[in-house]
């Protein structure tokens, strides 16, 4: 932020969220894609599960690491227009996105079929504190205020 108008926008946004009281969507500039951290999504980026012939709902997840240290992060704020889905490696459009960010198929994927997806996503966050600290004397000289955010775990 280098302009006074940017600072005014930040303060107005902060006050509209009542400081740390209300969450909002945030696009992490370093991790917002199912394809690596910032790549263009493909329908086979992330394994969501395996069809069993009866399950129709598959939560979106992004996998980090491998083996015992692996983490599967549930994604609840996908960018809907970016979502690509495949069953058994074949792209499909026979699904919808439910309110929790999960894929719901109209027909259950066949038993043994890999269910995969690619997507861009935002993260639910809130401000970490109920105050913003800005040094107005140095602001116009190029200082950027620190604005700590905390991810909301759902």
N, C-alpha and C. Protein backbone atom coordinates (compact mmCIF):
# COMPACT_ATOMS: atom_id res chain seq x y z
N UNK A 1 0.84 -1.18 0.00
CA UNK A 1 0.00 0.00 0.00
C UNK A 1 0.88 1.24 0.00
N UNK A 2 0.61 2.10 -0.93
CA UNK A 2 1.41 3.32 -1.00
C UNK A 2 0.55 4.57 -1.08
N UNK A 3 -0.74 4.37 -1.24
CA UNK A 3 -1.62 5.53 -1.36
C UNK A 3 -2.55 5.62 -0.16
N UNK A 4 -2.91 6.83 0.18
CA UNK A 4 -3.81 7.05 1.31
C UNK A 4 -5.17 6.38 1.06
N UNK A 5 -5.59 6.35 -0.20
CA UNK A 5 -6.86 5.71 -0.54
C UNK A 5 -6.83 4.22 -0.22
N UNK A 6 -5.67 3.57 -0.40
CA UNK A 6 -5.53 2.15 -0.06
C UNK A 6 -5.71 1.95 1.44
N UNK A 7 -5.12 2.82 2.21
CA UNK A 7 -5.24 2.74 3.67
C UNK A 7 -6.70 2.93 4.09
N UNK A 8 -7.39 3.88 3.48
CA UNK A 8 -8.80 4.11 3.79
C UNK A 8 -9.63 2.88 3.45
N UNK A 9 -9.34 2.23 2.33
CA UNK A 9 -10.06 1.02 1.94
C UNK A 9 -9.83 -0.10 2.96
N UNK A 10 -8.58 -0.28 3.39
CA UNK A 10 -8.27 -1.30 4.38
C UNK A 10 -9.00 -1.04 5.69
N UNK A 11 -8.98 0.19 6.16
CA UNK A 11 -9.65 0.52 7.43
C UNK A 11 -11.15 0.30 7.32
N UNK A 12 -11.75 0.69 6.20
CA UNK A 12 -13.19 0.49 6.01
C UNK A 12 -13.53 -1.01 5.99
N UNK A 13 -12.70 -1.80 5.30
CA UNK A 13 -12.92 -3.25 5.24
C UNK A 13 -12.78 -3.86 6.64
N UNK A 14 -11.76 -3.45 7.37
CA UNK A 14 -11.52 -3.93 8.74
C UNK A 14 -12.72 -3.61 9.64
N UNK A 15 -13.21 -2.39 9.55
CA UNK A 15 -14.36 -1.99 10.39
C UNK A 15 -15.63 -2.72 9.98
N UNK A 16 -15.82 -2.96 8.69
CA UNK A 16 -17.01 -3.67 8.23
C UNK A 16 -17.02 -5.12 8.74
N UNK A 17 -15.85 -5.69 8.97
CA UNK A 17 -15.73 -7.05 9.51
C UNK A 17 -15.74 -7.05 11.04
N UNK A 18 -15.88 -5.88 11.64
CA UNK A 18 -15.87 -5.73 13.11
C UNK A 18 -14.55 -6.26 13.69
N UNK A 19 -13.45 -5.92 13.03
CA UNK A 19 -12.15 -6.39 13.47
C UNK A 19 -12.06 -7.90 13.28
N UNK A 20 -11.76 -8.61 14.35
CA UNK A 20 -11.60 -10.07 14.29
C UNK A 20 -12.92 -10.83 14.37
N UNK A 21 -14.04 -10.14 14.45
CA UNK A 21 -15.33 -10.80 14.71
C UNK A 21 -15.89 -11.57 13.51
N UNK A 22 -15.64 -11.10 12.29
CA UNK A 22 -16.26 -11.72 11.12
C UNK A 22 -15.20 -12.18 10.12
N UNK A 23 -15.42 -13.36 9.59
CA UNK A 23 -14.51 -13.91 8.60
C UNK A 23 -14.81 -13.41 7.20
N UNK A 24 -13.88 -13.73 6.29
CA UNK A 24 -14.04 -13.37 4.89
C UNK A 24 -13.16 -14.28 4.04
N UNK A 25 -13.43 -14.31 2.73
CA UNK A 25 -12.62 -15.10 1.80
C UNK A 25 -11.34 -14.36 1.49
N UNK A 26 -10.24 -15.14 1.42
CA UNK A 26 -8.94 -14.55 1.12
C UNK A 26 -8.21 -15.44 0.13
N UNK A 27 -7.65 -14.86 -0.91
CA UNK A 27 -6.84 -15.61 -1.88
C UNK A 27 -5.38 -15.51 -1.44
N UNK A 28 -4.84 -16.61 -0.93
CA UNK A 28 -3.44 -16.67 -0.52
C UNK A 28 -2.59 -16.55 -1.78
N UNK A 29 -1.76 -15.54 -1.88
CA UNK A 29 -0.99 -15.36 -3.13
C UNK A 29 0.04 -16.46 -3.37
N UNK A 30 0.32 -17.29 -2.37
CA UNK A 30 1.34 -18.33 -2.50
C UNK A 30 0.76 -19.75 -2.54
N UNK A 31 -0.53 -19.91 -2.33
CA UNK A 31 -1.15 -21.25 -2.34
C UNK A 31 -2.64 -21.10 -2.62
N UNK A 32 -3.01 -21.16 -3.90
CA UNK A 32 -4.42 -20.97 -4.26
C UNK A 32 -4.89 -21.93 -5.34
N UNK A 33 -4.08 -22.95 -5.64
CA UNK A 33 -4.43 -23.87 -6.72
C UNK A 33 -4.24 -25.32 -6.30
N UNK A 34 -5.03 -26.20 -6.89
CA UNK A 34 -4.87 -27.64 -6.67
C UNK A 34 -3.65 -28.18 -7.40
N UNK A 35 -3.15 -27.43 -8.36
CA UNK A 35 -2.00 -27.84 -9.17
C UNK A 35 -0.75 -27.15 -8.63
N UNK A 36 -0.02 -27.85 -7.76
CA UNK A 36 1.10 -27.21 -7.09
C UNK A 36 0.55 -26.14 -6.16
N UNK A 37 1.19 -25.01 -6.14
CA UNK A 37 0.70 -23.93 -5.29
C UNK A 37 -0.05 -22.87 -6.10
N UNK A 38 0.38 -22.64 -7.35
CA UNK A 38 -0.21 -21.56 -8.14
C UNK A 38 -0.46 -21.95 -9.60
N UNK A 39 -0.36 -23.24 -9.93
CA UNK A 39 -0.50 -23.68 -11.32
C UNK A 39 -1.93 -23.65 -11.82
N UNK A 40 -2.08 -23.87 -13.11
CA UNK A 40 -3.40 -23.93 -13.73
C UNK A 40 -4.02 -25.29 -13.43
N UNK A 41 -5.23 -25.32 -12.87
CA UNK A 41 -5.86 -26.59 -12.49
C UNK A 41 -6.13 -27.51 -13.68
N UNK A 42 -6.02 -28.82 -13.42
CA UNK A 42 -6.45 -29.85 -14.37
C UNK A 42 -7.39 -30.79 -13.61
N UNK A 43 -8.18 -31.56 -14.33
CA UNK A 43 -9.19 -32.41 -13.71
C UNK A 43 -8.61 -33.55 -12.88
N UNK A 44 -7.30 -33.81 -12.99
CA UNK A 44 -6.70 -34.92 -12.25
C UNK A 44 -5.69 -34.47 -11.20
N UNK A 45 -5.74 -33.23 -10.78
CA UNK A 45 -4.77 -32.70 -9.81
C UNK A 45 -4.82 -33.39 -8.45
N UNK A 46 -6.01 -33.55 -7.89
CA UNK A 46 -6.15 -34.05 -6.52
C UNK A 46 -7.10 -35.24 -6.48
N UNK A 47 -6.68 -36.29 -5.79
CA UNK A 47 -7.53 -37.48 -5.58
C UNK A 47 -8.54 -37.15 -4.48
N UNK A 48 -9.82 -37.24 -4.80
CA UNK A 48 -10.87 -36.97 -3.82
C UNK A 48 -11.37 -38.26 -3.16
N UNK A 49 -11.22 -39.35 -3.85
CA UNK A 49 -11.68 -40.63 -3.33
C UNK A 49 -11.77 -41.65 -4.45
N UNK A 50 -12.39 -42.78 -4.11
CA UNK A 50 -12.58 -43.86 -5.07
C UNK A 50 -14.05 -44.25 -5.05
N UNK A 51 -14.62 -44.37 -6.23
CA UNK A 51 -16.03 -44.74 -6.32
C UNK A 51 -16.30 -46.12 -5.73
N UNK A 52 -17.50 -46.27 -5.15
CA UNK A 52 -17.91 -47.57 -4.61
C UNK A 52 -19.28 -47.98 -5.15
N UNK A 53 -19.77 -47.21 -6.13
CA UNK A 53 -21.07 -47.53 -6.72
C UNK A 53 -22.26 -46.95 -5.98
N UNK A 54 -22.04 -46.37 -4.77
CA UNK A 54 -23.17 -45.78 -4.04
C UNK A 54 -22.87 -44.38 -3.50
N UNK A 55 -21.63 -44.05 -3.22
CA UNK A 55 -21.29 -42.72 -2.70
C UNK A 55 -21.38 -41.69 -3.81
N UNK A 56 -22.11 -40.58 -3.53
CA UNK A 56 -22.26 -39.52 -4.54
C UNK A 56 -21.58 -38.21 -4.14
N UNK A 57 -21.18 -38.08 -2.87
CA UNK A 57 -20.62 -36.82 -2.37
C UNK A 57 -19.14 -37.00 -2.02
N UNK A 58 -18.30 -36.13 -2.59
CA UNK A 58 -16.86 -36.17 -2.35
C UNK A 58 -16.36 -34.77 -2.00
N UNK A 59 -15.90 -34.55 -0.75
CA UNK A 59 -15.36 -33.25 -0.38
C UNK A 59 -14.10 -32.93 -1.18
N UNK A 60 -13.91 -31.66 -1.50
CA UNK A 60 -12.69 -31.24 -2.17
C UNK A 60 -11.55 -31.22 -1.15
N UNK A 61 -10.41 -31.74 -1.54
CA UNK A 61 -9.23 -31.73 -0.67
C UNK A 61 -8.01 -31.38 -1.49
N UNK A 62 -7.01 -30.83 -0.82
CA UNK A 62 -5.70 -30.61 -1.41
C UNK A 62 -4.71 -31.36 -0.53
N UNK A 63 -3.89 -32.19 -1.17
CA UNK A 63 -2.91 -33.00 -0.45
C UNK A 63 -1.56 -32.31 -0.42
N UNK A 64 -0.93 -32.34 0.75
CA UNK A 64 0.41 -31.79 0.94
C UNK A 64 1.30 -32.90 1.49
N UNK A 65 2.47 -33.09 0.92
CA UNK A 65 3.40 -34.08 1.42
C UNK A 65 3.01 -35.49 1.04
N UNK A 66 3.85 -36.44 1.48
CA UNK A 66 3.61 -37.86 1.20
C UNK A 66 3.89 -38.69 2.44
N UNK A 67 3.35 -39.87 2.46
CA UNK A 67 3.62 -40.80 3.56
C UNK A 67 3.01 -40.34 4.86
N UNK A 68 3.72 -40.66 5.96
CA UNK A 68 3.22 -40.38 7.31
C UNK A 68 3.04 -38.89 7.59
N UNK A 69 3.78 -38.06 6.88
CA UNK A 69 3.69 -36.61 7.10
C UNK A 69 2.64 -35.94 6.23
N UNK A 70 1.94 -36.68 5.40
CA UNK A 70 0.98 -36.10 4.47
C UNK A 70 -0.20 -35.47 5.20
N UNK A 71 -0.72 -34.43 4.60
CA UNK A 71 -1.92 -33.75 5.13
C UNK A 71 -2.92 -33.61 3.99
N UNK A 72 -4.19 -33.88 4.28
CA UNK A 72 -5.27 -33.65 3.33
C UNK A 72 -6.08 -32.47 3.87
N UNK A 73 -5.96 -31.34 3.21
CA UNK A 73 -6.64 -30.11 3.63
C UNK A 73 -7.99 -30.03 2.93
N UNK A 74 -9.05 -29.95 3.70
CA UNK A 74 -10.39 -29.83 3.12
C UNK A 74 -10.56 -28.40 2.61
N UNK A 75 -11.02 -28.30 1.37
CA UNK A 75 -11.22 -27.00 0.71
C UNK A 75 -12.71 -26.69 0.72
N UNK A 76 -13.10 -25.62 1.40
CA UNK A 76 -14.52 -25.26 1.51
C UNK A 76 -14.90 -24.04 0.68
N UNK A 77 -13.90 -23.35 0.11
CA UNK A 77 -14.17 -22.15 -0.68
C UNK A 77 -13.54 -22.24 -2.07
N UNK A 78 -13.97 -23.24 -2.87
CA UNK A 78 -13.42 -23.31 -4.22
C UNK A 78 -13.97 -22.17 -5.08
N UNK A 79 -13.23 -21.83 -6.11
CA UNK A 79 -13.72 -20.88 -7.10
C UNK A 79 -14.49 -21.72 -8.11
N UNK A 80 -15.81 -21.66 -8.05
CA UNK A 80 -16.68 -22.58 -8.79
C UNK A 80 -16.37 -22.64 -10.29
N UNK A 81 -16.11 -21.51 -10.92
CA UNK A 81 -15.88 -21.50 -12.37
C UNK A 81 -14.57 -22.18 -12.75
N UNK A 82 -13.69 -22.43 -11.79
CA UNK A 82 -12.41 -23.06 -12.09
C UNK A 82 -12.44 -24.58 -11.92
N UNK A 83 -13.52 -25.10 -11.37
CA UNK A 83 -13.60 -26.51 -10.97
C UNK A 83 -13.70 -27.46 -12.17
N UNK A 84 -12.77 -28.43 -12.19
CA UNK A 84 -12.75 -29.48 -13.21
C UNK A 84 -12.77 -30.81 -12.48
N UNK A 85 -13.61 -31.75 -12.94
CA UNK A 85 -13.78 -33.04 -12.26
C UNK A 85 -13.60 -34.16 -13.26
N UNK A 86 -12.97 -35.26 -12.79
CA UNK A 86 -12.82 -36.46 -13.63
C UNK A 86 -13.15 -37.70 -12.80
N UNK A 87 -13.68 -38.70 -13.46
CA UNK A 87 -13.94 -40.01 -12.86
C UNK A 87 -13.21 -41.03 -13.73
N UNK A 88 -12.30 -41.77 -13.10
CA UNK A 88 -11.51 -42.73 -13.86
C UNK A 88 -10.64 -42.07 -14.92
N UNK A 89 -10.23 -40.84 -14.66
CA UNK A 89 -9.39 -40.11 -15.60
C UNK A 89 -10.12 -39.44 -16.75
N UNK A 90 -11.43 -39.54 -16.78
CA UNK A 90 -12.24 -38.95 -17.85
C UNK A 90 -13.03 -37.77 -17.29
N UNK A 91 -12.85 -36.60 -17.91
CA UNK A 91 -13.56 -35.40 -17.46
C UNK A 91 -15.06 -35.62 -17.52
N UNK A 92 -15.76 -35.07 -16.52
CA UNK A 92 -17.22 -35.20 -16.48
C UNK A 92 -17.84 -33.90 -16.00
N UNK A 93 -19.07 -33.68 -16.41
CA UNK A 93 -19.82 -32.51 -15.94
C UNK A 93 -21.10 -32.94 -15.22
N UNK A 94 -21.22 -34.23 -14.90
CA UNK A 94 -22.41 -34.77 -14.24
C UNK A 94 -22.30 -34.64 -12.73
N UNK A 95 -22.09 -33.41 -12.26
CA UNK A 95 -21.93 -33.15 -10.83
C UNK A 95 -22.39 -31.73 -10.54
N UNK A 96 -22.56 -31.45 -9.26
CA UNK A 96 -22.84 -30.08 -8.82
C UNK A 96 -21.98 -29.81 -7.59
N UNK A 97 -21.86 -28.56 -7.24
CA UNK A 97 -21.07 -28.14 -6.09
C UNK A 97 -22.04 -27.80 -4.97
N UNK A 98 -21.91 -28.47 -3.81
CA UNK A 98 -22.83 -28.16 -2.72
C UNK A 98 -22.31 -26.99 -1.87
N UNK A 99 -23.10 -26.55 -0.92
CA UNK A 99 -22.78 -25.36 -0.13
C UNK A 99 -21.50 -25.50 0.70
N UNK A 100 -21.09 -26.72 1.01
CA UNK A 100 -19.88 -26.92 1.82
C UNK A 100 -18.63 -27.05 0.95
N UNK A 101 -18.78 -26.95 -0.36
CA UNK A 101 -17.65 -27.06 -1.26
C UNK A 101 -17.36 -28.48 -1.70
N UNK A 102 -18.31 -29.40 -1.54
CA UNK A 102 -18.12 -30.80 -1.96
C UNK A 102 -18.75 -31.02 -3.32
N UNK A 103 -18.23 -32.01 -4.03
CA UNK A 103 -18.78 -32.42 -5.32
C UNK A 103 -19.89 -33.43 -5.06
N UNK A 104 -21.05 -33.21 -5.68
CA UNK A 104 -22.17 -34.14 -5.57
C UNK A 104 -22.51 -34.64 -6.97
N UNK A 105 -22.33 -35.94 -7.19
CA UNK A 105 -22.59 -36.54 -8.50
C UNK A 105 -24.07 -36.89 -8.62
N UNK A 106 -24.60 -36.79 -9.83
CA UNK A 106 -25.98 -37.20 -10.07
C UNK A 106 -26.08 -38.73 -10.08
N UNK A 107 -25.03 -39.40 -10.54
CA UNK A 107 -24.94 -40.87 -10.53
C UNK A 107 -23.65 -41.24 -9.81
N UNK A 108 -23.69 -42.17 -8.88
CA UNK A 108 -22.47 -42.52 -8.15
C UNK A 108 -21.38 -43.04 -9.08
N UNK A 109 -20.13 -42.64 -8.86
CA UNK A 109 -19.02 -43.19 -9.65
C UNK A 109 -18.93 -44.70 -9.45
N UNK A 110 -18.53 -45.40 -10.50
CA UNK A 110 -18.43 -46.86 -10.48
C UNK A 110 -17.42 -47.32 -9.44
N UNK A 111 -17.61 -48.49 -8.94
CA UNK A 111 -16.71 -49.07 -7.95
C UNK A 111 -15.29 -49.16 -8.52
N UNK A 112 -14.34 -48.61 -7.75
CA UNK A 112 -12.93 -48.63 -8.15
C UNK A 112 -12.49 -47.45 -8.99
N UNK A 113 -13.42 -46.60 -9.44
CA UNK A 113 -13.06 -45.45 -10.28
C UNK A 113 -12.50 -44.32 -9.42
N UNK A 114 -11.33 -43.82 -9.81
CA UNK A 114 -10.72 -42.69 -9.09
C UNK A 114 -11.52 -41.41 -9.36
N UNK A 115 -11.84 -40.69 -8.30
CA UNK A 115 -12.54 -39.41 -8.42
C UNK A 115 -11.50 -38.33 -8.14
N UNK A 116 -11.26 -37.47 -9.12
CA UNK A 116 -10.24 -36.43 -9.01
C UNK A 116 -10.82 -35.08 -9.39
N UNK A 117 -10.12 -34.02 -9.00
CA UNK A 117 -10.58 -32.68 -9.34
C UNK A 117 -9.41 -31.71 -9.34
N UNK A 118 -9.61 -30.61 -10.05
CA UNK A 118 -8.69 -29.49 -10.05
C UNK A 118 -9.48 -28.22 -9.84
N UNK A 119 -8.88 -27.24 -9.16
CA UNK A 119 -9.63 -26.04 -8.78
C UNK A 119 -8.70 -24.96 -8.26
N UNK A 120 -9.20 -23.74 -8.30
CA UNK A 120 -8.62 -22.63 -7.58
C UNK A 120 -9.43 -22.49 -6.31
N UNK A 121 -8.84 -21.91 -5.25
CA UNK A 121 -9.60 -21.79 -4.01
C UNK A 121 -9.18 -20.58 -3.20
N UNK A 122 -10.11 -20.15 -2.36
CA UNK A 122 -9.87 -19.12 -1.37
C UNK A 122 -9.87 -19.79 -0.01
N UNK A 123 -9.43 -19.05 0.99
CA UNK A 123 -9.34 -19.57 2.35
C UNK A 123 -10.23 -18.71 3.25
N UNK A 124 -11.03 -19.31 4.15
CA UNK A 124 -11.78 -18.50 5.10
C UNK A 124 -10.83 -18.00 6.19
N UNK A 125 -10.77 -16.70 6.36
CA UNK A 125 -9.88 -16.09 7.36
C UNK A 125 -10.63 -15.03 8.14
N UNK A 126 -9.98 -14.55 9.19
CA UNK A 126 -10.45 -13.39 9.93
C UNK A 126 -9.22 -12.59 10.32
N UNK A 127 -9.42 -11.35 10.69
CA UNK A 127 -8.31 -10.57 11.22
C UNK A 127 -7.89 -11.18 12.55
N UNK A 128 -6.59 -11.21 12.82
CA UNK A 128 -6.06 -11.83 14.03
C UNK A 128 -6.26 -10.96 15.26
N UNK A 129 -6.44 -9.68 15.05
CA UNK A 129 -6.56 -8.74 16.17
C UNK A 129 -7.73 -7.80 15.94
N UNK A 130 -8.13 -7.13 17.01
CA UNK A 130 -9.22 -6.16 16.91
C UNK A 130 -8.72 -4.74 16.67
N UNK A 131 -7.47 -4.62 16.28
CA UNK A 131 -6.94 -3.28 15.98
C UNK A 131 -5.96 -3.36 14.83
N UNK A 132 -5.86 -2.27 14.09
CA UNK A 132 -4.86 -2.11 13.05
C UNK A 132 -3.84 -1.09 13.54
N UNK A 133 -2.58 -1.40 13.41
CA UNK A 133 -1.54 -0.46 13.82
C UNK A 133 -0.87 0.09 12.57
N UNK A 134 -1.03 1.38 12.35
CA UNK A 134 -0.45 2.04 11.19
C UNK A 134 0.30 3.27 11.65
N UNK A 135 1.54 3.39 11.22
CA UNK A 135 2.35 4.57 11.51
C UNK A 135 2.14 5.56 10.37
N UNK A 136 1.23 6.49 10.55
CA UNK A 136 0.87 7.43 9.50
C UNK A 136 2.06 8.31 9.10
N UNK A 137 2.96 8.60 10.03
CA UNK A 137 4.13 9.43 9.70
C UNK A 137 5.00 8.79 8.64
N UNK A 138 5.13 7.48 8.67
CA UNK A 138 5.97 6.78 7.70
C UNK A 138 5.18 6.16 6.56
N UNK A 139 3.86 6.18 6.64
CA UNK A 139 3.05 5.49 5.66
C UNK A 139 3.32 5.98 4.24
N UNK A 140 3.29 7.28 4.04
CA UNK A 140 3.49 7.82 2.69
C UNK A 140 4.92 7.62 2.21
N UNK A 141 5.83 7.27 3.09
CA UNK A 141 7.20 7.00 2.70
C UNK A 141 7.36 5.55 2.25
N UNK A 142 6.32 4.78 2.25
CA UNK A 142 6.38 3.42 1.75
C UNK A 142 6.15 2.33 2.77
N UNK A 143 5.86 2.67 4.03
CA UNK A 143 5.59 1.65 5.03
C UNK A 143 4.27 0.94 4.72
N UNK A 144 4.28 -0.36 4.86
CA UNK A 144 3.06 -1.15 4.70
C UNK A 144 2.67 -1.66 6.08
N UNK A 145 1.44 -1.41 6.50
CA UNK A 145 1.03 -1.90 7.82
C UNK A 145 0.99 -3.42 7.85
N UNK A 146 1.26 -3.99 9.00
CA UNK A 146 1.15 -5.43 9.18
C UNK A 146 -0.32 -5.74 9.45
N UNK A 147 -0.86 -6.68 8.70
CA UNK A 147 -2.27 -7.04 8.85
C UNK A 147 -2.34 -8.55 9.03
N UNK A 148 -2.14 -9.03 10.27
CA UNK A 148 -2.17 -10.47 10.51
C UNK A 148 -3.56 -11.06 10.32
N UNK A 149 -3.59 -12.22 9.63
CA UNK A 149 -4.83 -12.95 9.40
C UNK A 149 -4.70 -14.34 10.02
N UNK A 150 -5.84 -14.92 10.40
CA UNK A 150 -5.88 -16.26 10.96
C UNK A 150 -6.87 -17.07 10.13
N UNK A 151 -6.44 -18.27 9.69
CA UNK A 151 -7.36 -19.13 8.94
C UNK A 151 -8.43 -19.68 9.88
N UNK A 152 -9.66 -19.68 9.40
CA UNK A 152 -10.78 -20.22 10.17
C UNK A 152 -10.91 -21.69 9.81
N UNK A 153 -10.75 -22.55 10.77
CA UNK A 153 -10.87 -23.99 10.56
C UNK A 153 -12.33 -24.38 10.71
N UNK A 154 -12.87 -25.04 9.70
CA UNK A 154 -14.29 -25.40 9.73
C UNK A 154 -14.46 -26.89 9.90
